Amino acid sequence: MPEPRFLLLSDVAAELNVSDSQVYHMVRSGELPAIKIGGRGQWRVERTTLEKYIEEKYAETAAWVRDNPLADREPE
């Protein structure tokens, strides 16, 4: 069975190991693109969008680490 194209916010939360409310905030703030579907307006995140978001976060983290070295720490 192929993976679903769209994920529930609870699925995204499990994937990122964060709370459902954190994912809801990420979606509502526009940090994580999502769509609202159905009469009740349920949020869905496309799997490829989540993967792109994760890649962007890796790049942001790498830039932050590069720009904030641990100068006072000896190498292990």
N, C-alpha and C. Protein backbone atom coordinates (compact mmCIF):
# COMPACT_ATOMS: atom_id res chain seq x y z
N MET A 1 0.83 -1.17 0.00
CA MET A 1 0.00 0.00 0.00
C MET A 1 0.89 1.25 0.00
N PRO A 2 0.70 2.16 -0.94
CA PRO A 2 1.54 3.36 -0.98
C PRO A 2 1.26 4.30 0.19
N GLU A 3 2.26 5.10 0.51
CA GLU A 3 2.08 6.08 1.58
C GLU A 3 1.08 7.13 1.13
N PRO A 4 0.27 7.63 2.05
CA PRO A 4 -0.70 8.66 1.67
C PRO A 4 0.01 9.95 1.27
N ARG A 5 -0.59 10.66 0.33
CA ARG A 5 -0.02 11.93 -0.12
C ARG A 5 -0.12 13.00 0.97
N PHE A 6 -1.26 13.00 1.69
CA PHE A 6 -1.49 14.01 2.72
C PHE A 6 -1.49 13.38 4.10
N LEU A 7 -0.97 14.14 5.06
CA LEU A 7 -0.85 13.67 6.44
C LEU A 7 -1.75 14.49 7.36
N LEU A 8 -2.30 13.83 8.37
CA LEU A 8 -3.00 14.52 9.45
C LEU A 8 -1.96 15.28 10.28
N LEU A 9 -2.41 16.32 10.98
CA LEU A 9 -1.48 17.04 11.85
C LEU A 9 -0.89 16.11 12.92
N SER A 10 -1.67 15.16 13.37
CA SER A 10 -1.17 14.20 14.37
C SER A 10 -0.07 13.32 13.77
N ASP A 11 -0.18 13.00 12.49
CA ASP A 11 0.88 12.23 11.81
C ASP A 11 2.16 13.05 11.71
N VAL A 12 2.00 14.33 11.38
CA VAL A 12 3.16 15.23 11.29
C VAL A 12 3.81 15.35 12.66
N ALA A 13 3.00 15.51 13.70
CA ALA A 13 3.53 15.61 15.06
C ALA A 13 4.33 14.37 15.43
N ALA A 14 3.81 13.21 15.09
CA ALA A 14 4.53 11.96 15.38
C ALA A 14 5.83 11.89 14.60
N GLU A 15 5.80 12.32 13.35
CA GLU A 15 6.99 12.30 12.51
C GLU A 15 8.08 13.22 13.05
N LEU A 16 7.69 14.38 13.55
CA LEU A 16 8.65 15.35 14.07
C LEU A 16 8.92 15.18 15.57
N ASN A 17 8.17 14.29 16.21
CA ASN A 17 8.30 14.03 17.64
C ASN A 17 8.05 15.31 18.45
N VAL A 18 6.95 15.98 18.10
CA VAL A 18 6.49 17.17 18.82
C VAL A 18 5.00 16.99 19.11
N SER A 19 4.42 17.92 19.83
CA SER A 19 3.00 17.80 20.17
C SER A 19 2.12 18.22 19.00
N ASP A 20 0.88 17.76 19.02
CA ASP A 20 -0.10 18.16 18.02
C ASP A 20 -0.29 19.67 18.03
N SER A 21 -0.30 20.27 19.22
CA SER A 21 -0.51 21.71 19.31
C SER A 21 0.66 22.48 18.70
N GLN A 22 1.86 21.96 18.80
CA GLN A 22 3.01 22.62 18.18
C GLN A 22 2.86 22.62 16.66
N VAL A 23 2.42 21.50 16.11
CA VAL A 23 2.23 21.42 14.66
C VAL A 23 1.10 22.35 14.24
N TYR A 24 0.03 22.39 15.00
CA TYR A 24 -1.08 23.29 14.69
C TYR A 24 -0.57 24.74 14.64
N HIS A 25 0.24 25.13 15.60
CA HIS A 25 0.79 26.48 15.62
C HIS A 25 1.69 26.72 14.40
N MET A 26 2.50 25.75 14.02
CA MET A 26 3.37 25.87 12.86
C MET A 26 2.54 26.09 11.59
N VAL A 27 1.43 25.38 11.49
CA VAL A 27 0.56 25.50 10.32
C VAL A 27 -0.17 26.85 10.34
N ARG A 28 -0.75 27.21 11.48
CA ARG A 28 -1.50 28.46 11.58
C ARG A 28 -0.62 29.70 11.39
N SER A 29 0.64 29.61 11.77
CA SER A 29 1.56 30.73 11.61
C SER A 29 2.13 30.82 10.20
N GLY A 30 1.94 29.77 9.42
CA GLY A 30 2.47 29.75 8.06
C GLY A 30 3.87 29.16 7.96
N GLU A 31 4.43 28.76 9.09
CA GLU A 31 5.77 28.17 9.08
C GLU A 31 5.79 26.86 8.28
N LEU A 32 4.74 26.08 8.44
CA LEU A 32 4.62 24.80 7.72
C LEU A 32 3.38 24.89 6.82
N PRO A 33 3.59 24.92 5.51
CA PRO A 33 2.45 25.02 4.60
C PRO A 33 1.51 23.82 4.73
N ALA A 34 0.21 24.12 4.68
CA ALA A 34 -0.81 23.07 4.79
C ALA A 34 -2.07 23.56 4.07
N ILE A 35 -3.02 22.65 3.90
CA ILE A 35 -4.31 23.01 3.30
C ILE A 35 -5.42 22.62 4.26
N LYS A 36 -6.55 23.30 4.10
CA LYS A 36 -7.76 22.95 4.85
C LYS A 36 -8.71 22.30 3.85
N ILE A 37 -9.25 21.16 4.24
CA ILE A 37 -10.16 20.45 3.35
C ILE A 37 -11.42 20.05 4.10
N GLY A 38 -12.45 19.76 3.34
CA GLY A 38 -13.69 19.26 3.92
C GLY A 38 -14.52 20.35 4.57
N GLY A 39 -15.75 20.00 4.87
CA GLY A 39 -16.69 20.93 5.47
C GLY A 39 -16.27 21.42 6.84
N ARG A 40 -15.51 20.61 7.55
CA ARG A 40 -15.07 21.00 8.89
C ARG A 40 -13.70 21.68 8.86
N GLY A 41 -13.13 21.83 7.66
CA GLY A 41 -11.84 22.50 7.52
C GLY A 41 -10.70 21.82 8.23
N GLN A 42 -10.53 20.54 7.97
CA GLN A 42 -9.45 19.79 8.61
C GLN A 42 -8.14 20.05 7.88
N TRP A 43 -7.10 20.25 8.66
CA TRP A 43 -5.78 20.54 8.10
C TRP A 43 -5.10 19.28 7.59
N ARG A 44 -4.38 19.43 6.48
CA ARG A 44 -3.57 18.35 5.92
C ARG A 44 -2.26 18.94 5.44
N VAL A 45 -1.19 18.17 5.62
CA VAL A 45 0.13 18.56 5.16
C VAL A 45 0.58 17.53 4.13
N GLU A 46 0.99 18.02 2.98
CA GLU A 46 1.45 17.11 1.94
C GLU A 46 2.81 16.53 2.35
N ARG A 47 2.98 15.24 2.14
CA ARG A 47 4.20 14.54 2.56
C ARG A 47 5.45 15.22 1.97
N THR A 48 5.40 15.58 0.70
CA THR A 48 6.57 16.23 0.08
C THR A 48 6.85 17.59 0.71
N THR A 49 5.82 18.29 1.14
CA THR A 49 5.99 19.58 1.82
C THR A 49 6.67 19.38 3.16
N LEU A 50 6.29 18.33 3.89
CA LEU A 50 6.93 18.03 5.16
C LEU A 50 8.40 17.70 4.96
N GLU A 51 8.72 16.90 3.95
CA GLU A 51 10.12 16.55 3.68
C GLU A 51 10.93 17.79 3.33
N LYS A 52 10.36 18.70 2.55
CA LYS A 52 11.04 19.94 2.19
C LYS A 52 11.25 20.79 3.44
N TYR A 53 10.24 20.86 4.30
CA TYR A 53 10.34 21.60 5.55
C TYR A 53 11.50 21.06 6.40
N ILE A 54 11.60 19.75 6.51
CA ILE A 54 12.67 19.13 7.29
C ILE A 54 14.03 19.48 6.70
N GLU A 55 14.17 19.40 5.38
CA GLU A 55 15.43 19.77 4.73
C GLU A 55 15.79 21.23 5.02
N GLU A 56 14.80 22.12 4.97
CA GLU A 56 15.05 23.53 5.26
C GLU A 56 15.51 23.72 6.70
N LYS A 57 14.93 22.97 7.62
CA LYS A 57 15.32 23.08 9.02
C LYS A 57 16.75 22.57 9.23
N TYR A 58 17.15 21.52 8.51
CA TYR A 58 18.54 21.05 8.57
C TYR A 58 19.48 22.16 8.10
N ALA A 59 19.13 22.82 6.99
CA ALA A 59 19.98 23.90 6.45
C ALA A 59 20.05 25.07 7.42
N GLU A 60 18.90 25.46 8.01
CA GLU A 60 18.89 26.54 8.99
C GLU A 60 19.75 26.20 10.21
N THR A 61 19.65 24.96 10.67
CA THR A 61 20.42 24.53 11.83
C THR A 61 21.90 24.52 11.52
N ALA A 62 22.28 24.03 10.33
CA ALA A 62 23.69 24.01 9.94
C ALA A 62 24.25 25.43 9.88
N ALA A 63 23.49 26.38 9.34
CA ALA A 63 23.93 27.77 9.27
C ALA A 63 24.07 28.35 10.68
N TRP A 64 23.13 28.03 11.56
CA TRP A 64 23.19 28.53 12.93
C TRP A 64 24.43 27.98 13.64
N VAL A 65 24.70 26.69 13.47
CA VAL A 65 25.86 26.07 14.11
C VAL A 65 27.14 26.70 13.57
N ARG A 66 27.19 26.92 12.26
CA ARG A 66 28.36 27.55 11.64
C ARG A 66 28.58 28.97 12.19
N ASP A 67 27.50 29.71 12.37
CA ASP A 67 27.60 31.10 12.83
C ASP A 67 27.73 31.25 14.34
N ASN A 68 27.56 30.16 15.08
CA ASN A 68 27.63 30.18 16.54
C ASN A 68 28.52 29.07 17.06
N PRO A 69 29.82 29.16 16.76
CA PRO A 69 30.72 28.06 17.17
C PRO A 69 30.89 28.00 18.68
N LEU A 70 31.24 26.84 19.14
CA LEU A 70 31.53 26.64 20.57
C LEU A 70 33.02 26.93 20.77
N ALA A 71 33.36 28.20 20.81
CA ALA A 71 34.76 28.62 20.89
C ALA A 71 35.44 28.21 22.20
N ASP A 72 34.68 28.17 23.27
CA ASP A 72 35.27 27.88 24.56
C ASP A 72 35.27 26.39 24.89
N ARG A 73 34.86 25.56 23.94
CA ARG A 73 34.79 24.12 24.19
C ARG A 73 35.91 23.41 23.43
N GLU A 74 36.58 22.50 24.13
CA GLU A 74 37.66 21.72 23.49
C GLU A 74 37.04 20.61 22.66
N PRO A 75 37.68 20.27 21.53
CA PRO A 75 37.16 19.17 20.70
C PRO A 75 37.17 17.85 21.47
N GLU A 76 36.22 17.02 21.17
CA GLU A 76 36.13 15.72 21.87
C GLU A 76 36.93 14.67 21.15
